[in-house]
Protein backbone atom coordinates (compact mmCIF):
# COMPACT_ATOMS: atom_id res chain seq x y z
CA MET A 1 6.52 -18.67 9.19
CA ASP A 2 7.72 -20.29 6.00
CA THR A 3 10.20 -17.99 4.21
CA ARG A 4 8.62 -18.91 0.86
CA VAL A 5 5.35 -17.34 2.03
CA LEU A 6 7.14 -14.12 3.05
CA GLU A 7 8.99 -14.06 -0.27
CA GLN A 8 5.69 -14.47 -2.13
CA LEU A 9 4.17 -11.61 -0.12
CA GLY A 10 7.16 -9.36 -0.86
CA ARG A 11 6.97 -10.15 -4.57
CA LEU A 12 3.23 -9.52 -4.68
CA ILE A 13 3.42 -6.10 -3.03
CA GLY A 14 6.60 -5.15 -4.89
CA ALA A 15 5.24 -6.11 -8.32
CA ARG A 16 2.02 -4.14 -8.14
CA ARG A 17 1.79 -0.35 -8.55
CA VAL A 18 -1.79 0.22 -7.46
CA ALA A 19 -3.97 -0.96 -4.62
CA ALA A 20 -7.57 -0.67 -3.48
CA LEU A 21 -7.79 1.67 -0.48
CA GLY A 22 -10.76 1.20 1.83
CA THR A 23 -11.89 4.05 4.08
CA LEU A 24 -15.00 4.92 6.07
CA ARG A 25 -17.16 7.75 4.71
CA ALA A 26 -19.93 8.79 7.09
CA GLY A 27 -19.85 5.27 8.54
CA ALA A 28 -20.09 3.53 5.16
CA PRO A 29 -17.25 1.83 3.26
CA LEU A 30 -15.61 3.58 0.32
CA VAL A 31 -12.99 1.93 -1.90
CA SER A 32 -10.64 3.88 -4.17
CA MET A 33 -7.65 3.05 -6.33
CA VAL A 34 -4.29 4.50 -5.24
CA ALA A 35 -0.76 4.27 -6.60
CA TYR A 36 1.85 3.39 -3.99
CA VAL A 37 5.50 2.87 -3.20
CA VAL A 38 6.86 0.65 -0.45
CA GLU A 39 8.65 1.86 2.67
CA PRO A 40 9.96 -1.50 3.93
CA GLU A 41 11.33 -0.51 7.31
CA ALA A 42 8.09 1.06 8.55
CA PRO A 43 6.45 -1.26 7.23
CA ALA A 44 4.26 1.01 5.13
CA LEU A 45 2.91 1.81 1.73
CA VAL A 46 3.24 5.46 0.75
CA VAL A 47 0.56 7.17 -1.30
CA HIS A 48 0.37 10.68 -2.79
CA ILE A 49 -3.23 11.82 -2.52
CA SER A 50 -5.28 15.01 -2.74
CA ARG A 51 -7.23 16.51 0.15
CA LEU A 52 -10.00 17.12 -2.39
CA ALA A 53 -10.52 13.35 -2.78
CA TYR A 54 -13.08 11.61 -0.60
CA HIS A 55 -10.57 8.96 0.50
CA THR A 56 -8.16 11.62 1.78
CA GLN A 57 -10.93 13.43 3.65
CA ASP A 58 -11.89 10.08 5.15
CA VAL A 59 -8.30 9.35 6.22
CA MET A 60 -8.11 12.75 7.90
CA ALA A 61 -11.32 11.95 9.86
CA ASP A 62 -10.39 8.35 10.72
CA PRO A 63 -6.86 7.14 9.88
CA ARG A 64 -7.76 3.44 9.97
CA VAL A 65 -7.71 2.01 6.45
CA GLY A 66 -7.82 -1.28 4.62
CA VAL A 67 -5.66 -1.94 1.58
CA LEU A 68 -5.98 -4.73 -0.96
CA VAL A 69 -3.12 -5.66 -3.28
CA ALA A 70 -3.96 -8.43 -5.74
CA GLU A 71 -2.17 -10.42 -8.39
CA GLU A 72 -3.10 -9.37 -11.92
CA ASP A 73 -5.89 -11.42 -13.49
CA SER A 74 -4.22 -11.90 -16.87
CA ASP A 75 -5.37 -15.44 -17.68
CA ALA A 76 -9.06 -15.71 -18.62
CA GLY A 77 -8.82 -19.51 -18.29
CA ARG A 78 -7.59 -19.37 -14.70
CA ASP A 79 -9.90 -19.58 -11.70
CA PRO A 80 -9.72 -16.07 -10.16
CA GLN A 81 -10.04 -17.61 -6.68
CA THR A 82 -6.46 -18.87 -7.11
CA LEU A 83 -5.03 -15.35 -7.54
CA ALA A 84 -2.72 -14.23 -4.76
CA ARG A 85 -3.91 -11.23 -2.75
CA VAL A 86 -3.22 -9.54 0.54
CA SER A 87 -5.50 -7.48 2.74
CA LEU A 88 -3.63 -5.01 4.92
CA TRP A 89 -4.85 -3.29 8.05
CA ALA A 90 -3.09 0.06 8.28
CA VAL A 91 -3.13 3.45 9.93
CA ALA A 92 -2.59 6.49 7.71
CA GLU A 93 -0.42 9.44 8.71
CA GLU A 94 0.52 12.45 6.67
CA VAL A 95 4.25 12.99 6.17
CA ALA A 96 5.13 16.58 7.07
CA ARG A 97 6.39 18.69 4.18
CA GLY A 98 9.85 20.14 4.60
CA THR A 99 11.19 17.14 6.49
CA GLY A 100 13.93 14.76 5.42
CA ALA A 101 11.41 11.91 5.44
CA TYR A 102 9.11 13.81 3.09
CA GLU A 103 11.90 14.49 0.61
CA GLU A 104 13.13 10.89 0.75
CA LEU A 105 9.63 9.50 0.16
CA ARG A 106 8.95 12.10 -2.54
CA MET A 107 12.04 10.93 -4.43
CA ALA A 108 11.03 7.28 -4.01
CA TYR A 109 7.54 8.06 -5.29
CA LEU A 110 8.87 9.99 -8.27
CA GLY A 111 11.32 7.17 -8.98
CA ARG A 112 8.36 4.89 -9.55
CA PHE A 113 5.87 7.47 -10.90
CA PRO A 114 7.86 10.21 -12.68
CA ASP A 115 4.70 11.64 -14.26
CA ALA A 116 3.51 12.63 -10.76
CA GLU A 117 6.11 15.43 -10.58
CA ARG A 118 3.55 18.12 -11.46
CA LEU A 119 1.21 16.95 -8.69
CA PHE A 120 3.82 17.74 -6.05
CA GLY A 121 3.38 21.40 -6.99
CA PHE A 122 -0.29 21.37 -5.98
CA GLY A 123 -0.94 22.40 -2.37
CA ASP A 124 -3.79 19.92 -1.89
CA PHE A 125 -1.62 16.85 -2.45
CA GLY A 126 0.28 15.19 0.35
CA LEU A 127 2.27 12.06 1.05
CA TYR A 128 0.69 9.63 3.46
CA ARG A 129 2.26 6.59 5.09
CA LEU A 130 -0.11 3.67 5.44
CA ARG A 131 1.56 1.99 8.43
CA ILE A 132 0.77 -1.70 8.23
CA GLN A 133 -0.55 -3.21 11.46
CA ALA A 134 -1.38 -6.73 10.24
CA ALA A 135 -2.15 -8.63 7.05
CA ARG A 136 -4.09 -11.55 5.68
CA LEU A 137 -2.43 -13.19 2.69
CA VAL A 138 -4.28 -15.53 0.37
CA ALA A 139 -1.40 -17.14 -1.52
CA GLY A 140 -3.75 -19.27 -3.60
CA PHE A 141 -6.82 -21.40 -3.09
CA GLY A 142 -6.73 -22.85 0.44
CA GLN A 143 -3.45 -21.08 1.32
CA THR A 144 -4.36 -18.34 3.80
CA TYR A 145 -2.00 -16.76 6.33
CA ASN A 146 -2.49 -14.18 9.08
CA LEU A 147 0.64 -12.04 9.37
CA SER A 148 1.91 -9.57 11.92
CA ALA A 149 3.39 -6.19 11.05
CA GLU A 150 6.83 -7.64 11.77
CA GLN A 151 6.29 -10.49 9.30
CA VAL A 152 5.17 -7.99 6.66
CA ARG A 153 8.29 -5.92 7.38
CA GLN A 154 10.47 -8.99 6.86
CA ALA A 155 8.73 -9.66 3.54
CA LEU A 156 9.16 -6.06 2.37
CA LEU A 157 12.80 -5.89 3.43
CA GLY A 158 13.39 -8.69 0.94
CA LEU A 159 12.57 -6.21 -1.83
CA GLY A 160 16.02 -4.67 -1.46
CA GLY A 161 15.03 -1.14 -0.50
CA GLY A 162 12.21 1.35 -0.63
CA GLY A 163 10.52 2.92 -3.58
CA ARG A 164 9.30 -0.26 -5.17
């Protein structure tokens, strides 16, 4: 795999703060917006979501999820088909409260989203790892790559640490 492609993937995921999270709700697709931080070593995205939300209920029923991270469409004159985007296949798992991993990921999340501090006091919110299994990167028009979890991990490690 070309290192430039992995670098582009790392930059794309590291630069964005929100993603589209796809779940299954009663057998039908549901897509929600979630804020995330990166846990490079896993490789995983970490989200802080409420059990009251449909997407969290869906994850608890079936942990298989899809995630889309896309380049910002900031140029009205640009063909949107040339925007970089990555579709991730992942499996969600709740991070147990009271563990070292929970506290580490909580601090990483708050480092990126300090306004979320109050939400950590609500009992219905939890941290979930979205463990990446594979990815499909569209780096631009006609530039599509299928990536393994290990290749995604390599791309995320290039971010220089978690919490991005």
